[in-house]
C-alpha atoms as a PDB file:
ATOM      1  CA  MET A   1      -8.408  35.467 -55.753  1.00  0.00           C
ATOM      2  CA  ASP A   2     -10.783  32.657 -56.720  1.00  0.00           C
ATOM      3  CA  SER A   3     -14.340  33.291 -55.493  1.00  0.00           C
ATOM      4  CA  PRO A   4     -16.053  30.278 -53.867  1.00  0.00           C
ATOM      5  CA  PHE A   5     -19.011  30.941 -56.178  1.00  0.00           C
ATOM      6  CA  THR A   6     -17.249  30.263 -59.475  1.00  0.00           C
ATOM      7  CA  ASP A   7     -17.784  27.300 -61.768  1.00  0.00           C
ATOM      8  CA  THR A   8     -14.528  25.817 -60.490  1.00  0.00           C
ATOM      9  CA  HIS A   9     -16.069  24.489 -57.266  1.00  0.00           C
ATOM     10  CA  LEU A  10     -19.713  24.069 -58.246  1.00  0.00           C
ATOM     11  CA  PRO A  11     -19.506  20.409 -59.389  1.00  0.00           C
ATOM     12  CA  GLN A  12     -18.012  19.405 -56.031  1.00  0.00           C
ATOM     13  CA  VAL A  13     -20.642  21.402 -54.139  1.00  0.00           C
ATOM     14  CA  ALA A  14     -23.382  19.732 -56.192  1.00  0.00           C
ATOM     15  CA  ASP A  15     -21.907  16.299 -55.353  1.00  0.00           C
ATOM     16  CA  LEU A  16     -21.921  17.118 -51.633  1.00  0.00           C
ATOM     17  CA  PHE A  17     -25.549  18.244 -51.748  1.00  0.00           C
ATOM     18  CA  ARG A  18     -26.438  15.081 -53.701  1.00  0.00           C
ATOM     19  CA  LEU A  19     -24.835  12.955 -51.001  1.00  0.00           C
ATOM     20  CA  LEU A  20     -26.545  14.893 -48.223  1.00  0.00           C
ATOM     21  CA  GLY A  21     -29.843  14.719 -50.122  1.00  0.00           C
ATOM     22  CA  ASP A  22     -30.255  11.161 -48.872  1.00  0.00           C
ATOM     23  CA  VAL A  23     -31.995  11.226 -45.481  1.00  0.00           C
ATOM     24  CA  THR A  24     -30.102   8.177 -44.203  1.00  0.00           C
ATOM     25  CA  ARG A  25     -26.723   9.715 -45.029  1.00  0.00           C
ATOM     26  CA  LEU A  26     -27.799  13.015 -43.521  1.00  0.00           C
ATOM     27  CA  ARG A  27     -28.816  11.260 -40.291  1.00  0.00           C
ATOM     28  CA  ILE A  28     -25.455   9.449 -40.211  1.00  0.00           C
ATOM     29  CA  VAL A  29     -23.526  12.712 -40.628  1.00  0.00           C
ATOM     30  CA  LEU A  30     -25.595  14.292 -37.855  1.00  0.00           C
ATOM     31  CA  ALA A  31     -24.747  11.338 -35.586  1.00  0.00           C
ATOM     32  CA  CYS A  32     -21.049  11.938 -36.298  1.00  0.00           C
ATOM     33  CA  LEU A  33     -21.227  15.592 -35.238  1.00  0.00           C
ATOM     34  CA  HIS A  34     -21.286  14.728 -31.538  1.00  0.00           C
ATOM     35  CA  GLY A  35     -17.776  13.315 -31.542  1.00  0.00           C
ATOM     36  CA  PRO A  36     -16.155  10.030 -32.481  1.00  0.00           C
ATOM     37  CA  ILE A  37     -18.705   7.241 -32.816  1.00  0.00           C
ATOM     38  CA  ALA A  38     -18.450   3.616 -33.958  1.00  0.00           C
ATOM     39  CA  VAL A  39     -20.472   2.062 -36.772  1.00  0.00           C
ATOM     40  CA  GLY A  40     -22.345  -0.150 -34.307  1.00  0.00           C
ATOM     41  CA  GLU A  41     -23.338   2.847 -32.198  1.00  0.00           C
ATOM     42  CA  ILE A  42     -24.568   4.765 -35.234  1.00  0.00           C
ATOM     43  CA  ALA A  43     -26.549   1.723 -36.367  1.00  0.00           C
ATOM     44  CA  ALA A  44     -28.134   1.310 -32.929  1.00  0.00           C
ATOM     45  CA  VAL A  45     -29.008   4.993 -32.506  1.00  0.00           C
ATOM     46  CA  LEU A  46     -30.532   5.245 -35.988  1.00  0.00           C
ATOM     47  CA  ASP A  47     -32.061   1.736 -35.976  1.00  0.00           C
ATOM     48  CA  LEU A  48     -30.189   0.746 -39.129  1.00  0.00           C
ATOM     49  CA  ALA A  49     -28.194  -2.322 -40.151  1.00  0.00           C
ATOM     50  CA  PRO A  50     -24.456  -1.891 -39.517  1.00  0.00           C
ATOM     51  CA  THR A  51     -23.714  -2.956 -43.108  1.00  0.00           C
ATOM     52  CA  LEU A  52     -25.948  -0.154 -44.415  1.00  0.00           C
ATOM     53  CA  VAL A  53     -24.236   2.369 -42.136  1.00  0.00           C
ATOM     54  CA  SER A  54     -20.804   1.160 -43.309  1.00  0.00           C
ATOM     55  CA  HIS A  55     -21.832   1.522 -46.946  1.00  0.00           C
ATOM     56  CA  HIS A  56     -22.993   5.113 -46.439  1.00  0.00           C
ATOM     57  CA  LEU A  57     -19.916   5.960 -44.347  1.00  0.00           C
ATOM     58  CA  ARG A  58     -17.673   4.853 -47.237  1.00  0.00           C
ATOM     59  CA  LEU A  59     -19.425   7.361 -49.510  1.00  0.00           C
ATOM     60  CA  LEU A  60     -19.322  10.118 -46.896  1.00  0.00           C
ATOM     61  CA  ARG A  61     -15.655   9.447 -46.200  1.00  0.00           C
ATOM     62  CA  ALA A  62     -14.807   9.591 -49.914  1.00  0.00           C
ATOM     63  CA  ALA A  63     -16.546  12.986 -50.068  1.00  0.00           C
ATOM     64  CA  ARG A  64     -14.569  14.083 -46.993  1.00  0.00           C
ATOM     65  CA  LEU A  65     -17.702  14.828 -44.993  1.00  0.00           C
ATOM     66  CA  VAL A  66     -16.676  12.402 -42.249  1.00  0.00           C
ATOM     67  CA  ALA A  67     -13.258  11.384 -41.010  1.00  0.00           C
ATOM     68  CA  PHE A  68     -12.228   8.250 -39.200  1.00  0.00           C
ATOM     69  CA  GLU A  69      -9.670   7.196 -36.657  1.00  0.00           C
ATOM     70  CA  ARG A  70      -8.714   3.637 -35.896  1.00  0.00           C
ATOM     71  CA  HIS A  71      -8.324   2.378 -32.332  1.00  0.00           C
ATOM     72  CA  GLY A  72      -7.164  -1.207 -32.639  1.00  0.00           C
ATOM     73  CA  LYS A  73      -9.969  -3.024 -34.438  1.00  0.00           C
ATOM     74  CA  GLN A  74     -12.501  -0.290 -33.774  1.00  0.00           C
ATOM     75  CA  VAL A  75     -13.028   2.560 -36.238  1.00  0.00           C
ATOM     76  CA  LEU A  76     -14.577   5.789 -34.964  1.00  0.00           C
ATOM     77  CA  TYR A  77     -16.180   8.389 -37.201  1.00  0.00           C
ATOM     78  CA  SER A  78     -16.659  12.132 -36.723  1.00  0.00           C
ATOM     79  CA  ALA A  79     -17.288  15.231 -38.833  1.00  0.00           C
ATOM     80  CA  ALA A  80     -14.346  15.821 -41.149  1.00  0.00           C
ATOM     81  CA  ASP A  81     -13.878  19.438 -40.067  1.00  0.00           C
ATOM     82  CA  ARG A  82     -15.733  22.439 -38.647  1.00  0.00           C
ATOM     83  CA  HIS A  83     -17.296  23.250 -42.024  1.00  0.00           C
ATOM     84  CA  VAL A  84     -19.572  20.196 -41.898  1.00  0.00           C
ATOM     85  CA  PRO A  85     -21.525  21.206 -38.763  1.00  0.00           C
ATOM     86  CA  ASP A  86     -21.513  24.827 -39.940  1.00  0.00           C
ATOM     87  CA  LEU A  87     -23.077  23.787 -43.256  1.00  0.00           C
ATOM     88  CA  LEU A  88     -25.738  21.663 -41.581  1.00  0.00           C
ATOM     89  CA  ARG A  89     -26.549  24.311 -38.963  1.00  0.00           C
ATOM     90  CA  GLY A  90     -26.939  26.871 -41.732  1.00  0.00           C
ATOM     91  CA  MET A  91     -29.234  24.680 -43.805  1.00  0.00           C
ATOM     92  CA  ILE A  92     -31.358  23.616 -40.823  1.00  0.00           C
ATOM     93  CA  GLY A  93     -31.579  27.249 -39.692  1.00  0.00           C
ATOM     94  CA  HIS A  94     -32.747  28.169 -43.184  1.00  0.00           C
ATOM     95  CA  ILE A  95     -35.486  25.501 -43.104  1.00  0.00           C
ATOM     96  CA  VAL A  96     -36.618  26.505 -39.606  1.00  0.00           C
ATOM     97  CA  ALA A  97     -36.733  30.193 -40.570  1.00  0.00           C
ATOM     98  CA  LEU A  98     -38.960  29.373 -43.540  1.00  0.00           C
ATOM     99  CA  ALA A  99     -41.382  27.250 -41.501  1.00  0.00           C
ATOM    100  CA  PRO A 100     -44.962  28.593 -41.621  1.00  0.00           C
ATOM    101  CA  GLU A 101     -45.029  29.115 -37.847  1.00  0.00           C
ATOM    102  CA  ASN A 102     -42.032  31.472 -38.186  1.00  0.00           C
ATOM    103  CA  ALA A 103     -43.505  33.523 -41.029  1.00  0.00           C
END
């Protein structure tokens, strides 16, 4: 059985962390965790231009971090699968645990 910690998957993992290393993209993914949301809603919540949000969503969609569903002309985005919120919860939990006030 192929271990998830072999060189086979590491380049893809590194690409995902590179994508999530951008604060704007990270904020967009977090906005998508709460269920299907439109580009305009993400832009309004995060105080960003819709064109910027669309650009980042294209990258996140290509990396399969977010998924989309079309309803007529409207496109709604959400986390691609349960692994995305699990990953983010784990990383945020790690940061919180290492905070000086928790030491």
